[in-house]
Amino acid sequence: VSCCESGPAVPYLSAQICFDILPVEDLPLENEKPTASQELKSSGQYTVRSRCYRLAAGCLGLLCVFLLAAIIVLCIKFNHSGAYRDQLQKSNNDLTVERDQLQTSNTNLTIERDQLQKSNTNLTVERDQLQKSNTNLTIERDQLQTSNTNLTKERDQLQTSNTNLTIERDQLQTSNTNLTIERDQLQTSNTNLTIERDQLQTSNRPATPT
């Protein structure tokens, strides 16, 4: 019985190998001459076996075509995946460079921020010191202004007192001058009266006898 008599060949069964299984009684014996029926039967079996071989060869050819197509598709996909992988690698490299640049920029910005914070702290301390100094200077200025006002008042009072004393001195000097003149006049009058008295006494004295 031939295995190929069961039906038409199918591609996925292309690897199947057809073998004819001959009954034992149909096999020719040694030194036995085959009969005509046996020769006809053997010829038919060879024809069927040849057809099976041709079908198997066709199926193997189709399998080779399918395998070649699959290999081509896989190569195309592999090349495409390789190009895509190269693009991803390039993109990854670009992102790595950008990340490093951002990290460097972040580090520089952090350093600059720390420097600005330190400068801000120093400026805040200096501002507080200047505000304290300004407050102290304002208090001292107010005290000086108050002292200046008091000294100005005292000066004005002293100037008024000095003016009054000057006027009083002038008046006293004038009075002293007038009194000096009056004294001199009285002294002159007293001297004249003394001389006149002496003359009158001399005149009124009686004459002494000689």
Protein backbone atom coordinates (compact mmCIF):
# COMPACT_ATOMS: atom_id res chain seq x y z
CA VAL A 1 0.00 0.00 0.00
CA SER A 2 1.43 3.40 -0.91
CA CYS A 3 1.38 6.23 1.59
CA CYS A 4 0.82 8.76 -1.20
CA GLU A 5 -2.52 7.29 -2.23
CA SER A 6 -4.27 8.84 0.76
CA GLY A 7 -4.76 12.23 -0.90
CA PRO A 8 -3.09 15.25 -2.51
CA ALA A 9 0.21 16.60 -1.11
CA VAL A 10 0.04 19.47 1.43
CA PRO A 11 2.93 22.00 1.84
CA TYR A 12 3.32 21.45 5.54
CA LEU A 13 3.62 17.73 4.88
CA SER A 14 6.38 18.31 2.33
CA ALA A 15 8.93 16.69 4.57
CA GLN A 16 7.00 13.46 4.56
CA ILE A 17 8.87 10.61 2.89
CA CYS A 18 6.75 8.13 1.04
CA PHE A 19 7.52 4.53 1.37
CA ASP A 20 5.64 1.61 -0.15
CA ILE A 21 4.89 -1.14 2.20
CA LEU A 22 4.68 -4.32 0.19
CA PRO A 23 3.05 -7.44 1.56
CA VAL A 24 5.43 -10.26 2.18
CA GLU A 25 3.63 -12.53 -0.25
CA ASP A 26 4.08 -9.96 -3.04
CA LEU A 27 7.86 -9.86 -2.66
CA PRO A 28 9.65 -12.11 -5.19
CA LEU A 29 11.48 -15.01 -3.77
CA GLU A 30 15.17 -15.61 -4.41
CA ASN A 31 15.85 -17.29 -7.75
CA GLU A 32 12.14 -17.00 -8.54
CA LYS A 33 11.19 -15.43 -11.85
CA PRO A 34 8.51 -12.76 -11.47
CA THR A 35 5.24 -13.30 -13.21
CA ALA A 36 3.56 -10.81 -15.59
CA SER A 37 1.10 -9.67 -12.97
CA GLN A 38 3.90 -9.09 -10.54
CA GLU A 39 5.82 -7.05 -13.14
CA LEU A 40 2.74 -4.95 -13.87
CA LYS A 41 2.12 -4.39 -10.19
CA SER A 42 5.77 -3.47 -9.62
CA SER A 43 5.64 -1.01 -12.53
CA GLY A 44 2.59 0.71 -11.03
CA GLN A 45 4.27 0.91 -7.68
CA TYR A 46 7.32 2.59 -9.28
CA THR A 47 5.03 5.13 -10.98
CA VAL A 48 3.32 6.00 -7.69
CA ARG A 49 6.65 6.21 -5.91
CA SER A 50 7.96 8.56 -8.62
CA ARG A 51 4.93 10.78 -8.18
CA CYS A 52 5.54 10.84 -4.40
CA TYR A 53 9.16 11.82 -4.96
CA ARG A 54 8.15 14.61 -7.30
CA LEU A 55 5.56 15.90 -4.82
CA ALA A 56 8.13 15.68 -2.00
CA ALA A 57 10.65 17.59 -4.15
CA GLY A 58 8.03 20.24 -4.93
CA CYS A 59 7.12 20.58 -1.27
CA LEU A 60 10.80 20.86 -0.38
CA GLY A 61 11.21 23.52 -3.07
CA LEU A 62 8.26 25.46 -1.65
CA LEU A 63 9.75 25.10 1.82
CA CYS A 64 13.07 26.45 0.51
CA VAL A 65 11.24 29.40 -1.11
CA PHE A 66 9.33 30.07 2.13
CA LEU A 67 12.54 29.72 4.13
CA LEU A 68 14.37 32.11 1.78
CA ALA A 69 11.48 34.60 1.99
CA ALA A 70 11.48 34.29 5.77
CA ILE A 71 15.25 34.82 5.82
CA ILE A 72 14.91 37.91 3.57
CA VAL A 73 12.11 39.29 5.77
CA LEU A 74 14.17 38.63 8.89
CA CYS A 75 17.21 40.32 7.31
CA ILE A 76 15.09 43.36 6.38
CA LYS A 77 13.65 43.47 9.87
CA PHE A 78 17.11 43.00 11.35
CA ASN A 79 18.50 45.84 9.23
CA HIS A 80 15.53 47.98 10.11
CA SER A 81 15.90 47.09 13.78
CA GLY A 82 19.66 47.81 13.50
CA ALA A 83 18.98 51.26 12.01
CA TYR A 84 16.33 51.87 14.66
CA ARG A 85 18.79 50.69 17.31
CA ASP A 86 21.43 53.07 15.93
CA GLN A 87 18.92 55.91 16.07
CA LEU A 88 18.03 54.98 19.64
CA GLN A 89 21.73 54.78 20.51
CA LYS A 90 22.34 58.20 18.94
CA SER A 91 19.31 59.62 20.71
CA ASN A 92 20.54 58.04 23.95
CA ASN A 93 23.99 59.55 23.43
CA ASP A 94 22.47 62.97 22.69
CA LEU A 95 20.28 62.71 25.78
CA THR A 96 23.31 61.65 27.83
CA VAL A 97 25.29 64.68 26.59
CA GLU A 98 22.31 66.94 27.27
CA ARG A 99 21.90 65.39 30.71
CA ASP A 100 25.59 65.98 31.48
CA GLN A 101 25.27 69.58 30.26
CA LEU A 102 22.18 70.06 32.40
CA GLN A 103 23.94 68.53 35.39
CA THR A 104 26.92 70.86 34.83
CA SER A 105 24.56 73.82 34.44
CA ASN A 106 22.68 72.72 37.55
CA THR A 107 25.96 72.46 39.49
CA ASN A 108 27.04 75.93 38.31
CA LEU A 109 23.63 77.37 39.16
CA THR A 110 23.80 75.73 42.59
CA ILE A 111 27.25 77.24 43.20
CA GLU A 112 26.02 80.64 41.99
CA ARG A 113 22.92 80.33 44.18
CA ASP A 114 25.08 79.53 47.22
CA GLN A 115 27.34 82.49 46.44
CA LEU A 116 24.31 84.77 46.05
CA GLN A 117 22.84 83.46 49.31
CA LYS A 118 26.17 84.10 51.06
CA SER A 119 26.39 87.57 49.51
CA ASN A 120 22.77 88.22 50.51
CA THR A 121 23.53 87.13 54.07
CA ASN A 122 26.59 89.41 54.21
CA LEU A 123 24.60 92.31 52.75
CA THR A 124 21.81 91.66 55.26
CA VAL A 125 24.32 91.76 58.14
CA GLU A 126 25.90 94.91 56.73
CA ARG A 127 22.45 96.47 56.26
CA ASP A 128 21.54 95.68 59.87
CA GLN A 129 24.82 97.20 61.05
CA LEU A 130 24.20 100.30 58.93
CA GLN A 131 20.63 100.55 60.23
CA LYS A 132 21.93 100.28 63.81
CA SER A 133 24.63 102.87 63.09
CA ASN A 134 22.04 105.09 61.42
CA THR A 135 19.77 104.77 64.45
CA ASN A 136 22.63 105.65 66.79
CA LEU A 137 23.62 108.59 64.61
CA THR A 138 20.00 109.75 64.49
CA ILE A 139 19.80 109.62 68.28
CA GLU A 140 23.12 111.46 68.57
CA ARG A 141 21.97 114.03 66.00
CA ASP A 142 18.75 114.61 67.96
CA GLN A 143 20.76 114.99 71.15
CA LEU A 144 23.10 117.43 69.42
CA GLN A 145 20.16 119.33 67.99
CA THR A 146 18.60 119.55 71.45
CA SER A 147 21.94 120.64 72.93
CA ASN A 148 22.37 123.14 70.11
CA THR A 149 18.89 124.50 70.73
CA ASN A 150 19.60 124.82 74.43
CA LEU A 151 22.96 126.46 73.75
CA THR A 152 21.31 128.82 71.27
CA LYS A 153 18.73 129.81 73.87
CA GLU A 154 21.44 130.26 76.46
CA ARG A 155 23.49 132.31 74.01
CA ASP A 156 20.49 134.49 73.24
CA GLN A 157 19.88 134.95 76.95
CA LEU A 158 23.57 135.80 77.47
CA GLN A 159 23.49 138.19 74.54
CA THR A 160 20.39 139.88 76.00
CA SER A 161 22.00 140.00 79.40
CA ASN A 162 25.21 141.35 77.86
CA THR A 163 23.25 144.01 76.01
CA ASN A 164 21.44 144.99 79.16
CA LEU A 165 24.69 145.09 81.10
CA THR A 166 26.31 147.13 78.34
CA ILE A 167 23.45 149.62 78.46
CA GLU A 168 23.63 149.70 82.23
CA ARG A 169 27.42 150.17 82.05
CA ASP A 170 27.02 153.00 79.59
CA GLN A 171 24.45 154.58 81.81
CA LEU A 172 26.74 154.16 84.82
CA GLN A 173 29.66 155.54 82.87
CA THR A 174 27.56 158.53 81.87
CA SER A 175 26.38 158.95 85.42
CA ASN A 176 29.95 158.60 86.67
CA THR A 177 31.12 161.22 84.18
CA ASN A 178 28.37 163.58 85.24
CA LEU A 179 29.14 162.97 88.87
CA THR A 180 32.85 163.54 88.20
CA ILE A 181 32.08 166.83 86.50
CA GLU A 182 29.75 167.79 89.29
CA ARG A 183 32.41 166.80 91.83
CA ASP A 184 34.99 168.85 90.03
CA GLN A 185 32.60 171.79 89.92
CA LEU A 186 31.86 171.34 93.59
CA GLN A 187 35.55 171.08 94.37
CA THR A 188 36.21 174.25 92.37
CA SER A 189 33.31 175.98 94.08
CA ASN A 190 34.51 174.74 97.44
CA THR A 191 38.03 175.99 96.68
CA ASN A 192 36.68 179.38 95.65
CA LEU A 193 34.51 179.59 98.72
CA THR A 194 37.47 178.62 100.90
CA ILE A 195 39.60 181.35 99.35
CA GLU A 196 36.76 183.83 99.73
CA ARG A 197 36.31 182.82 103.35
CA ASP A 198 39.95 183.22 104.04
CA GLN A 199 39.91 186.67 102.45
CA LEU A 200 36.91 187.62 104.47
CA GLN A 201 38.53 186.36 107.65
CA THR A 202 41.65 188.33 106.86
CA SER A 203 39.60 191.32 106.12
CA ASN A 204 37.59 191.07 109.33
CA ARG A 205 40.58 190.48 111.61
CA PRO A 206 41.28 193.65 113.83
CA ALA A 207 44.49 195.51 113.36
CA THR A 208 47.13 194.94 116.01
CA PRO A 209 48.87 197.99 117.60
CA THR A 210 52.40 198.64 116.63
